[in-house]
Each structure stands twice: as C-alpha cells, then as structure tokens.
Protein backbone atom coordinates (compact mmCIF):
# COMPACT_ATOMS: atom_id res chain seq x y z
CA MET A 1 -8.23 23.34 32.87
CA THR A 2 -11.70 24.66 32.07
CA ARG A 3 -12.57 25.16 35.72
CA ALA A 4 -9.29 26.91 36.47
CA LYS A 5 -9.73 29.18 33.47
CA SER A 6 -13.27 30.11 34.55
CA ALA A 7 -12.06 30.93 38.06
CA VAL A 8 -9.30 33.14 36.71
CA ARG A 9 -11.79 34.91 34.43
CA ARG A 10 -14.07 35.66 37.39
CA ALA A 11 -11.12 37.00 39.37
CA ALA A 12 -10.11 39.16 36.42
CA GLY A 13 -13.64 40.57 36.20
CA ALA A 14 -13.48 41.53 39.84
CA PHE A 15 -10.17 43.29 39.28
CA ARG A 16 -11.56 45.18 36.30
CA GLY A 17 -14.59 46.27 38.34
CA ARG A 18 -12.46 48.02 40.95
CA LYS A 19 -11.50 51.61 40.49
CA ASP A 20 -7.84 52.06 39.63
CA ASP A 21 -6.84 54.69 42.19
CA GLU A 22 -3.13 55.13 41.75
CA ASN A 23 -1.02 56.29 44.67
CA ASP A 24 2.09 58.39 44.66
CA THR A 25 4.45 55.46 44.42
CA GLY A 26 2.87 54.34 41.13
CA ALA A 27 1.41 51.15 42.58
CA THR A 28 -2.12 49.90 42.07
CA PRO A 29 -4.51 49.58 45.04
CA GLY A 30 -3.71 45.87 45.24
CA GLY A 31 -0.02 46.62 45.55
CA ARG A 32 0.84 45.67 41.95
CA PRO A 33 3.67 47.79 40.55
CA ARG A 34 3.18 49.53 37.26
CA GLY A 35 4.02 47.35 34.28
CA ALA A 36 3.24 44.07 36.07
CA PRO A 37 0.91 41.75 34.09
CA THR A 38 -2.78 41.97 34.92
CA ALA A 39 -5.06 38.99 35.46
CA GLN A 40 -6.55 39.53 32.00
CA GLY A 41 -3.08 39.51 30.52
CA ARG A 42 -2.26 36.25 32.28
CA ILE A 43 -5.48 34.76 30.88
CA SER A 44 -4.54 35.83 27.36
CA HIS A 45 -1.08 34.31 27.72
CA LEU A 46 -2.62 31.10 29.06
CA GLU A 47 -5.07 30.83 26.14
CA GLN A 48 -2.34 31.55 23.61
CA GLY A 49 -0.14 28.91 25.20
CA THR A 50 -2.98 26.38 25.07
CA ARG A 51 -3.68 27.10 21.41
CA ALA A 52 0.01 26.85 20.59
CA ALA A 53 0.31 23.55 22.44
CA ARG A 54 -2.49 21.83 20.51
CA PRO A 55 -0.72 21.70 17.11
CA VAL A 56 2.51 20.71 18.83
CA ASP A 57 0.78 17.86 20.65
CA ALA A 58 -0.86 16.71 17.43
CA VAL A 59 2.51 16.67 15.65
CA ARG A 60 4.04 14.73 18.54
CA ARG A 61 1.24 12.16 18.46
CA ASP A 62 1.63 11.73 14.71
CA MET A 63 5.39 11.33 15.02
CA ARG A 64 4.94 8.80 17.82
CA SER A 65 2.40 6.85 15.75
CA ALA A 66 4.74 6.86 12.74
CA TRP A 67 7.63 5.65 14.89
CA ASN A 68 5.52 2.88 16.43
CA ALA A 69 4.35 1.79 12.97
CA ALA A 70 7.95 1.70 11.71
CA ARG A 71 9.00 -0.42 14.69
CA ALA A 72 6.08 -2.78 14.17
CA ALA A 73 6.95 -3.18 10.49
CA TRP A 74 10.56 -3.95 11.42
CA ARG A 75 9.70 -6.45 14.17
CA GLY A 76 7.62 -8.86 12.13
CA PRO A 77 4.56 -9.58 9.96
CA GLY A 78 1.54 -7.40 10.51
CA ARG A 79 -0.59 -4.67 8.98
CA GLU A 80 2.28 -2.20 9.11
CA ARG A 81 4.64 -4.47 7.19
CA ASP A 82 1.91 -5.27 4.65
CA LEU A 83 1.47 -1.53 4.08
CA VAL A 84 5.21 -1.06 3.54
CA VAL A 85 5.34 -3.96 1.09
CA GLN A 86 2.38 -2.70 -0.95
CA SER A 87 3.78 0.84 -1.05
CA LEU A 88 7.17 -0.34 -2.28
CA LYS A 89 5.48 -2.60 -4.83
CA ALA A 90 3.49 0.34 -6.21
CA ALA A 91 6.64 2.46 -6.49
CA GLY A 92 8.51 -0.41 -8.16
CA ALA A 93 5.69 -0.96 -10.65
CA ALA A 94 5.74 2.73 -11.61
CA VAL A 95 9.51 2.70 -12.14
CA LEU A 96 9.33 -0.48 -14.20
CA ALA A 97 6.53 0.94 -16.35
CA TRP A 98 8.60 4.07 -17.01
CA LEU A 99 11.62 1.98 -17.97
CA VAL A 100 9.51 0.02 -20.45
CA GLY A 101 7.51 2.91 -21.92
CA GLY A 102 9.91 5.84 -21.61
CA VAL A 103 13.40 4.39 -21.74
CA TRP A 104 13.09 1.22 -23.78
CA MET A 105 10.25 2.25 -26.14
CA GLY A 106 11.00 6.01 -26.09
CA ASP A 107 7.33 6.87 -26.29
CA PRO A 108 6.59 10.61 -25.92
CA LEU A 109 3.47 9.79 -23.90
CA ALA A 110 5.20 7.30 -21.61
CA LEU A 111 3.90 9.13 -18.51
CA MET A 112 0.62 7.22 -18.85
CA ALA A 113 2.30 3.88 -18.13
CA PRO A 114 3.77 4.63 -14.64
CA TRP A 115 0.67 6.61 -13.72
CA VAL A 116 -1.63 3.64 -14.37
CA ALA A 117 0.79 1.09 -12.87
CA LEU A 118 1.11 3.10 -9.67
CA VAL A 119 -2.60 3.11 -8.84
CA LEU A 120 -3.26 -0.50 -9.84
CA VAL A 121 -1.21 -2.09 -7.06
CA GLN A 122 -4.34 -2.63 -4.99
CA ALA A 123 -4.96 -4.43 -1.71
CA THR A 124 -5.80 -7.70 -3.52
CA VAL A 125 -4.92 -9.23 -6.88
CA PHE A 126 -8.59 -9.52 -7.79
CA SER A 127 -9.22 -5.83 -7.11
CA SER A 128 -6.13 -4.94 -9.17
CA LEU A 129 -7.55 -6.82 -12.13
CA VAL A 130 -11.05 -5.37 -11.78
CA GLN A 131 -9.85 -1.81 -11.19
CA GLY A 132 -7.36 -2.15 -14.04
CA ALA A 133 -10.11 -3.05 -16.49
CA ARG A 134 -12.27 -0.18 -15.25
CA GLN A 135 -9.48 2.37 -15.35
CA PHE A 136 -8.33 1.29 -18.81
CA GLY A 137 -11.89 1.66 -20.08
CA ALA A 138 -12.19 5.12 -18.49
CA ILE A 139 -8.89 6.25 -20.04
CA CYS A 140 -9.95 5.03 -23.48
CA VAL A 141 -13.30 6.85 -23.21
CA GLY A 142 -11.65 10.04 -21.95
CA THR A 143 -9.05 10.01 -24.72
CA LEU A 144 -11.57 9.44 -27.48
CA VAL A 145 -14.07 12.03 -26.19
CA ALA A 146 -11.32 14.64 -25.75
CA SER A 147 -9.97 14.04 -29.24
CA GLY A 148 -13.46 14.27 -30.72
CA ALA A 149 -14.21 17.51 -28.82
CA GLN A 150 -10.94 19.04 -30.02
CA ALA A 151 -11.69 18.06 -33.60
CA ILE A 152 -15.17 19.61 -33.43
CA THR A 153 -14.27 22.88 -31.74
CA ASP A 154 -10.63 23.30 -32.81
CA ASP A 155 -10.18 25.26 -29.58
CA THR A 156 -8.74 24.21 -26.23
CA THR A 157 -11.31 26.05 -24.11
CA GLY A 158 -14.20 24.91 -26.24
CA ALA A 159 -12.97 21.31 -26.18
CA LEU A 160 -12.72 21.41 -22.37
CA ALA A 161 -16.18 22.95 -22.05
CA LEU A 162 -17.64 20.31 -24.35
CA SER A 163 -15.93 17.17 -23.06
CA VAL A 164 -15.37 17.56 -19.30
CA PRO A 165 -19.05 17.97 -18.25
CA VAL A 166 -20.02 14.91 -20.28
CA LEU A 167 -17.18 12.85 -18.81
CA MET A 168 -17.92 13.93 -15.23
CA LEU A 169 -21.50 12.75 -15.66
CA LEU A 170 -20.23 9.53 -17.19
CA ALA A 171 -17.89 9.04 -14.21
CA ASN A 172 -20.96 8.22 -12.09
CA TRP A 173 -21.72 5.16 -14.20
CA PRO A 174 -21.60 2.15 -11.84
CA ARG A 175 -19.63 0.12 -14.40
CA PHE A 176 -16.65 2.41 -13.84
CA GLY A 177 -16.82 2.11 -10.05
CA ASP A 178 -14.48 4.63 -8.45
CA GLN A 179 -12.32 4.77 -11.59
CA GLY A 180 -14.69 6.92 -13.63
CA ILE A 181 -12.88 10.13 -12.65
CA TYR A 182 -9.92 9.01 -14.78
CA ALA A 183 -11.98 9.64 -17.91
CA ALA A 184 -12.19 13.37 -17.09
CA THR A 185 -8.56 13.67 -15.95
CA THR A 186 -7.36 11.92 -19.10
CA ALA A 187 -9.37 14.36 -21.19
CA LEU A 188 -7.75 17.29 -19.35
CA PHE A 189 -4.25 15.92 -20.02
CA THR A 190 -5.09 15.15 -23.64
CA ILE A 191 -6.54 18.56 -24.49
CA SER A 192 -4.02 20.63 -22.52
CA SER A 193 -1.06 18.83 -24.13
CA GLY A 194 -2.37 19.60 -27.61
CA MET A 195 -1.62 16.05 -28.78
CA VAL A 196 -5.01 14.90 -30.02
CA SER A 197 -4.12 13.29 -33.31
CA LEU A 198 -5.01 9.68 -34.09
CA SER A 199 -1.40 8.68 -33.51
CA ALA A 200 -1.33 10.39 -30.09
CA VAL A 201 -4.55 8.64 -29.11
CA GLY A 202 -3.01 5.29 -29.99
CA HIS A 203 0.17 6.05 -28.02
CA ARG A 204 -1.77 7.17 -24.96
CA VAL A 205 -4.06 4.12 -24.93
CA GLY A 206 -1.12 1.80 -25.58
CA GLN A 207 0.89 3.21 -22.67
CA ALA A 208 -2.12 2.91 -20.40
CA ALA A 209 -2.43 -0.76 -21.36
CA ILE A 210 1.28 -1.32 -20.63
CA GLY A 211 0.93 0.33 -17.22
CA ALA A 212 -2.13 -1.76 -16.39
CA VAL A 213 -0.41 -5.01 -17.30
CA ILE A 214 2.70 -4.15 -15.29
CA GLY A 215 0.71 -3.01 -12.24
CA VAL A 216 -1.44 -6.14 -12.12
CA ALA A 217 1.55 -8.43 -12.79
CA VAL A 218 3.68 -6.89 -10.04
CA ASN A 219 0.85 -7.15 -7.52
CA ALA A 220 0.13 -10.78 -8.45
CA LEU A 221 3.68 -12.12 -8.78
CA VAL A 222 5.66 -10.16 -6.19
CA LEU A 223 4.52 -11.04 -2.65
CA PRO A 224 0.81 -11.26 -3.56
CA PRO A 225 -1.31 -9.72 -0.80
CA ILE A 226 -3.24 -12.36 1.12
CA HIS A 227 -5.26 -11.04 4.05
CA LEU A 228 -5.82 -13.91 6.45
CA ARG A 229 -4.28 -12.35 9.53
CA ASP A 230 -7.03 -9.73 9.89
CA VAL A 231 -9.74 -12.38 10.26
CA ARG A 232 -7.92 -14.12 13.11
CA GLU A 233 -7.11 -10.83 14.83
CA ASN A 234 -10.72 -9.62 14.66
CA LEU A 235 -12.08 -12.98 15.81
CA ALA A 236 -9.66 -12.96 18.74
CA ALA A 237 -10.50 -9.34 19.56
CA LEU A 238 -14.25 -10.06 19.52
CA ALA A 239 -13.84 -13.06 21.81
CA ARG A 240 -11.57 -11.14 24.19
CA GLU A 241 -13.81 -8.07 24.35
CA ALA A 242 -16.87 -10.23 25.04
CA GLY A 243 -14.93 -11.98 27.81
CA GLU A 244 -13.85 -8.65 29.29
CA VAL A 245 -17.46 -7.44 29.37
CA LEU A 246 -18.44 -10.59 31.27
CA HIS A 247 -15.52 -10.09 33.66
CA THR A 248 -16.64 -6.51 34.32
CA VAL A 249 -20.24 -7.56 34.96
CA ALA A 250 -19.11 -10.42 37.22
CA GLY A 251 -16.87 -8.14 39.26
CA ASP A 252 -19.58 -5.55 39.82
CA LEU A 253 -22.17 -8.19 40.71
CA ARG A 254 -19.81 -9.84 43.19
CA GLU A 255 -19.15 -6.54 44.97
CA GLY A 256 -22.91 -5.97 45.24
CA GLU A 257 -22.71 -2.21 44.69
CA TRP A 258 -24.25 -1.63 41.27
CA ASP A 259 -27.08 0.55 40.09
CA ALA A 260 -28.73 1.80 36.91
CA GLU A 261 -25.67 3.84 35.94
CA THR A 262 -23.41 0.80 36.32
CA ALA A 263 -25.80 -1.32 34.25
CA SER A 264 -25.89 1.40 31.59
CA GLY A 265 -22.11 1.11 31.34
CA TRP A 266 -22.44 -2.65 30.79
CA VAL A 267 -24.97 -2.07 28.01
CA SER A 268 -22.68 0.46 26.31
CA ALA A 269 -19.76 -1.97 26.50
CA SER A 270 -21.84 -4.77 24.98
CA ASN A 271 -23.04 -2.46 22.20
CA ARG A 272 -19.42 -1.81 21.25
CA LEU A 273 -19.16 -5.48 20.35
CA ASP A 274 -21.29 -4.69 17.29
CA HIS A 275 -18.52 -2.44 15.93
CA ARG A 276 -16.00 -5.25 16.33
CA LEU A 277 -18.40 -7.64 14.62
CA LYS A 278 -18.67 -5.28 11.64
CA ALA A 279 -14.87 -5.10 11.44
CA LEU A 280 -14.74 -8.91 11.49
CA ARG A 281 -17.20 -9.20 8.61
CA SER A 282 -15.26 -6.62 6.61
CA ALA A 283 -12.02 -8.54 7.23
CA ARG A 284 -13.73 -11.74 6.14
CA ARG A 285 -14.75 -10.17 2.83
CA TRP A 286 -11.20 -8.92 2.27
CA SER A 287 -9.71 -12.33 3.05
CA GLN A 288 -12.03 -14.12 0.66
CA GLU A 289 -11.27 -11.61 -2.08
CA SER A 290 -7.52 -11.86 -1.47
CA LEU A 291 -7.66 -15.62 -2.14
CA ARG A 292 -9.25 -15.11 -5.54
CA LEU A 293 -6.81 -15.40 -8.47
CA THR A 294 -3.98 -16.27 -6.07
CA TYR A 295 -3.70 -20.00 -6.49
CA ALA A 296 -1.06 -22.26 -4.95
CA PRO A 297 1.86 -21.25 -7.24
CA LEU A 298 1.29 -17.56 -6.45
CA ARG A 299 0.67 -18.13 -2.74
CA ALA A 300 3.97 -19.99 -2.53
CA LEU A 301 5.70 -16.68 -3.24
CA HIS A 302 4.26 -15.17 -0.06
CA ARG A 303 4.39 -16.78 3.37
CA VAL A 304 0.78 -16.92 4.50
CA PRO A 305 0.25 -16.57 8.28
CA HIS A 306 -0.76 -19.75 10.16
CA GLN A 307 -0.12 -21.98 7.13
CA GLY A 308 -2.96 -20.38 5.19
CA ALA A 309 -5.59 -21.71 7.60
CA LEU A 310 -8.54 -19.37 7.55
CA PRO A 311 -10.99 -19.82 10.45
CA ALA A 312 -14.33 -21.13 9.26
CA VAL A 313 -17.16 -18.70 8.54
CA ASP A 314 -19.17 -20.56 11.19
CA GLU A 315 -16.84 -19.07 13.80
CA ASP A 316 -17.99 -15.58 12.77
CA GLU A 317 -21.61 -16.57 13.24
CA ARG A 318 -20.91 -18.27 16.57
CA LEU A 319 -19.15 -15.24 18.04
CA SER A 320 -21.92 -13.07 16.62
CA ARG A 321 -24.38 -15.10 18.69
CA VAL A 322 -22.10 -14.76 21.72
CA SER A 323 -22.09 -10.97 21.42
CA GLY A 324 -25.87 -11.04 21.06
CA HIS A 325 -26.26 -13.09 24.24
CA VAL A 326 -23.93 -10.70 26.10
CA ALA A 327 -26.02 -7.75 24.95
CA THR A 328 -29.27 -9.44 26.03
CA LEU A 329 -27.77 -10.30 29.40
CA THR A 330 -26.66 -6.73 30.11
CA ARG A 331 -30.01 -5.32 29.02
CA ALA A 332 -31.82 -7.72 31.35
CA LEU A 333 -29.67 -6.53 34.25
CA ALA A 334 -30.32 -2.90 33.29
CA VAL A 335 -34.07 -3.50 33.25
CA SER A 336 -33.94 -5.18 36.66
CA VAL A 337 -32.60 -2.02 38.35
CA ASP A 338 -34.90 0.37 36.50
CA ASP A 339 -37.28 1.96 39.02
CA LYS A 340 -39.97 2.21 36.36
CA ARG A 341 -39.96 -1.53 35.68
CA THR A 342 -41.50 -4.37 37.68
CA PRO A 343 -38.70 -7.01 37.51
CA ALA A 344 -36.19 -7.00 40.36
CA PRO A 345 -32.61 -8.35 40.40
CA PRO A 346 -31.72 -11.46 42.37
CA GLU A 347 -29.84 -10.98 45.60
CA GLY A 348 -27.41 -12.76 47.90
CA PRO A 349 -25.86 -16.15 47.10
CA ALA A 350 -27.70 -16.50 43.80
CA LEU A 351 -26.15 -13.29 42.48
CA ARG A 352 -22.65 -14.28 43.65
CA SER A 353 -22.97 -17.71 42.07
CA TYR A 354 -24.13 -16.12 38.83
CA ALA A 355 -21.16 -13.74 38.90
CA ARG A 356 -18.80 -16.69 39.29
CA LEU A 357 -20.40 -18.46 36.33
CA LEU A 358 -20.01 -15.36 34.15
CA GLU A 359 -16.38 -15.09 35.21
CA LEU A 360 -15.65 -18.66 34.14
CA ILE A 361 -17.35 -18.10 30.76
CA GLY A 362 -15.30 -14.90 30.33
CA ASP A 363 -12.13 -16.88 31.10
CA ALA A 364 -13.05 -19.38 28.39
CA LEU A 365 -13.56 -16.57 25.84
CA CYS A 366 -10.21 -14.97 26.68
CA ALA A 367 -8.47 -18.35 26.39
CA GLU A 368 -10.09 -18.79 22.98
CA ALA A 369 -8.78 -15.38 21.92
CA ASP A 370 -5.22 -16.37 22.86
CA SER A 371 -5.58 -19.64 20.98
CA LEU A 372 -6.79 -17.87 17.83
CA LEU A 373 -3.82 -15.50 17.87
CA ASP A 374 -1.47 -18.46 18.19
CA GLY A 375 -3.01 -20.09 15.14
CA GLY A 376 -4.55 -22.97 17.06
CA ALA A 377 -8.04 -24.33 17.40
CA THR A 378 -10.59 -23.22 19.94
CA ALA A 379 -9.25 -23.71 23.47
CA ARG A 380 -11.21 -25.99 25.77
CA PRO A 381 -11.48 -25.23 29.51
CA ASP A 382 -9.77 -27.72 31.80
CA GLU A 383 -11.76 -30.41 33.59
CA GLU A 384 -11.78 -28.54 36.89
CA THR A 385 -13.22 -25.41 35.28
CA GLU A 386 -15.89 -27.39 33.46
CA LYS A 387 -16.81 -29.11 36.73
CA ASP A 388 -17.10 -25.74 38.48
CA MET A 389 -19.33 -24.45 35.70
CA GLN A 390 -21.54 -27.53 35.93
CA ASP A 391 -21.82 -27.21 39.72
CA LEU A 392 -22.68 -23.52 39.46
CA HIS A 393 -25.28 -24.27 36.83
CA GLU A 394 -26.97 -26.88 39.02
CA GLU A 395 -26.79 -24.54 42.02
CA LEU A 396 -28.43 -21.73 40.08
CA GLN A 397 -31.14 -24.07 38.84
CA ASP A 398 -31.89 -24.99 42.43
CA LYS A 399 -31.97 -21.31 43.48
CA LEU A 400 -34.29 -20.56 40.58
CA ARG A 401 -36.76 -23.14 41.86
CA ARG A 402 -36.59 -21.58 45.35
CA HIS A 403 -37.05 -18.07 43.92
CA ALA A 404 -40.21 -19.26 42.19
CA GLY A 405 -41.92 -19.42 45.56
CA GLU A 406 -40.80 -15.91 46.57
CA GLY A 407 -42.39 -13.94 43.75
CA ALA A 408 -42.50 -13.59 40.01
CA ALA A 409 -40.38 -10.42 39.76
CA ARG A 410 -37.05 -11.88 40.90
CA THR A 411 -37.78 -15.26 39.35
CA ALA A 412 -38.30 -13.71 35.91
CA VAL A 413 -34.95 -11.88 36.02
CA LEU A 414 -32.98 -14.83 37.39
CA GLY A 415 -34.54 -17.13 34.81
CA THR A 416 -33.63 -14.75 31.97
CA LEU A 417 -30.08 -14.35 33.24
CA LEU A 418 -29.63 -18.09 33.64
CA LEU A 419 -30.97 -18.69 30.12
CA GLN A 420 -28.44 -16.26 28.64
CA ALA A 421 -25.63 -17.83 30.67
CA GLU A 422 -26.61 -21.24 29.31
CA ASN A 423 -26.60 -19.85 25.77
CA LEU A 424 -23.14 -18.38 26.33
CA TRP A 425 -21.93 -21.63 27.83
CA ALA A 426 -23.23 -23.65 24.88
CA GLU A 427 -21.52 -21.32 22.37
CA THR A 428 -18.24 -21.04 24.29
CA VAL A 429 -17.36 -24.53 25.54
CA PRO A 430 -16.36 -26.76 22.55
CA GLY A 431 -17.67 -29.99 24.13
CA ASP A 432 -21.15 -28.59 24.51
CA ARG A 433 -21.22 -27.34 20.93
CA GLU A 434 -20.26 -30.79 19.62
CA GLU A 435 -22.88 -32.48 21.79
C-alpha cells in the first residue's frame, strides 16, 4: 500500500507540473473531461478511505475477540470462564451488600457497602482479604480526616483543600498498597455530601466493614478462584516453543542453506523463550497465592483442574535450563557463521546428524507439552527414538574425534553444539534425569 501510494503521488506531481492548456472541447491535454477527478483527488479519497477503514477494522477485531472469548467461556473451563465467574461474583456481592445495608438495615449511607464489596472480589481469596484490610483502613482514615477538616474549617472548599492533599500523599504509603487512593475518594464523598457528624462517620465506616465482609465471603465461599491451570498451560507452552525452535534449527541445518541472517532469526526465537519463562513464573506465584486460605472444604466447592495436581516447582527450573541451553546453542551457531569470528560451522554428515538429534529432542519436548496439557506426567520417548538418539550421539562423538585432526575452528563449534545437545537430552528425557 505504501509503495502504491508513493507511485500515485509521483504521478500526481507530474500531472500538476504540466501546463493545463484547455482546448475548445473543454478537455484537458491528457484527454480528461472537465469535472473528472484528478490524480490528487484520487489520492485524497484513497487516504480518507484508509483512515476510515482503520477504526472499522479495530472495531471488527474487538468484536471478533469478544465473540471468541464468549464461545470459549461457553465451551468449557478456561481463563475466559474464570473471568465470567469472577465478574458475576463481584456483581452478586455488590447486590447482596446493598440488600443488607440499604434494604434490610435502611442505612442512609448504604452505598459504601456495595462499593467496597464490588472491588474486593479479587483474583484470589488471599488477595481479597489483604486488599479488604487495606481498603477498610484507607476508608477509615479518609473519613476521619475529612470530618476533622470540615470541623476545623466549617467550609466545604476549605475542608477539601486541607484534607485531599494530605490524603493523596498518604496514599503512597506502602502499607496501603494500591488501596491508598480510597482514602482521598472517601474524603471527597464525605465532604461533598455534607454528612460529617460523628453519627455519619460511624455509619460510613460500618457500611464499609459490611461490604468488606460480604466481598471476601463471596469470593471465598462461592467458587473460590484457584489458578492451577495457568501453570500447566505456561509449562506446556514453554516446552512446545522450545521444541519448535529446535525443529526450525534442525530443518535449516538439514537443508544446508543457512547464513548469519538465518542464525539471527534462531537467536531471536530463543530469546522469546525468556518472555514465556517470565509468564510461567508469574503464573506460579498466582497459583501459590490462590491456594492460600482455600483449604479442602473450600476447594471442594470448586472443581480444580487435573485433580488439584500442581506441577512441581522443579519443573519450572528444569524448563528454564532447557531454554537456556537452546539460547546457548543458537548463539553458538550464530557465532560460527560470523565473518568476524574464527570458529567455523561443521559441514556434511556431521551437520545432518546433529540436525536429526535436535529434531528428536524437539519431538520429546512437544510430546511433553501435550502430556502436560492432558494432566499427565512427563512423556517418555519410545524405545526406538531413544535408540536413535543414542546412535546419533555416538556417531557425533566419533565425528568430533575426526574433526579434532582437521583443525581447531570446526572442532570447537561442533564440541560446543554437542555439549548443548547433551544438556538438552539430559533435561528432556526422563530416564536420563533419573539416572
């Protein structure tokens, strides 16, 4: 599109540079009748159409994403369904808090209860309890400071000017976490409503306490959120992506047509494994937090994926080492084709054998990813595959010894590559890890 637009602009400049000598029939020198659109006009219409299409395309993408999320939530358990459940729980907690504070108790400040209950249905029960304590403390501080400021100044503007700056500074106190802003917003509501008497302060704090209790109770007792699925999905994704990188490297090595640019692509792909590793560690923290304060009686209210079996933390560290070995391997290959470096890549049968070994290791990683998604243990390659890997390993060892007599440059690269393949093999094949 950019090239076409530039070509049209150059053509339009040429048209504008020509003298517009009109003939008797009212046509332009190029034969264009009067009133026909010029090239510049066509460019303007094209640009306007492009600008108009961008928002439309964005809306279409958003609608498609929303539709796909709705279908995923309907089909079965997953992140989308968890989001729907938590949203409905938050709405239900707010309604219940209003029924208790506004309908049953008839409190004039009952709005505080559903407000607090709504925001305390957090992603985990533990975070609901912690955030509830912080928010309740912030609301109490905001109410008391606002009432004191109003009593001192006896003026709405003066009370706002006196209390809000202090509370905004106090909101940065680490003890409040991200709930400190509620101290300032509570002060705004308190002062603007004009209800700053001791009785109003008591009602407001009491309704906030009711909302906090209801929000935490709903989150803990109604389908308590337990995030175990994310750990398995990220473990499986890390294993699969590492296997796909090895498959890509093996395919390019087997074809024999690879250069510095190809190797740079391998390095970039291996670096992306670090992002997946960070997502895995974040999911692990969430899963561990979601199991806090949700003991067996509470977990029984929510069907936990894969019978509540959380993969061991050692699996995170093992796949972290796998991604590190993949990154080292790709960097070694990139260095070997760098004209400014001394090492040289291996050639011929040795390179093809190495590509086959990487392919088998990649197959093992992809099989492990499938096993993790199915809730099973680490998949073990069949006997034939293990035999092929052992034969390739011995063959490469023999080629390494022969390369040693041909020069240090190729021997150094082949030795480094073989070492990384052995590391990957040891981390990937369960039998070797146990031995």
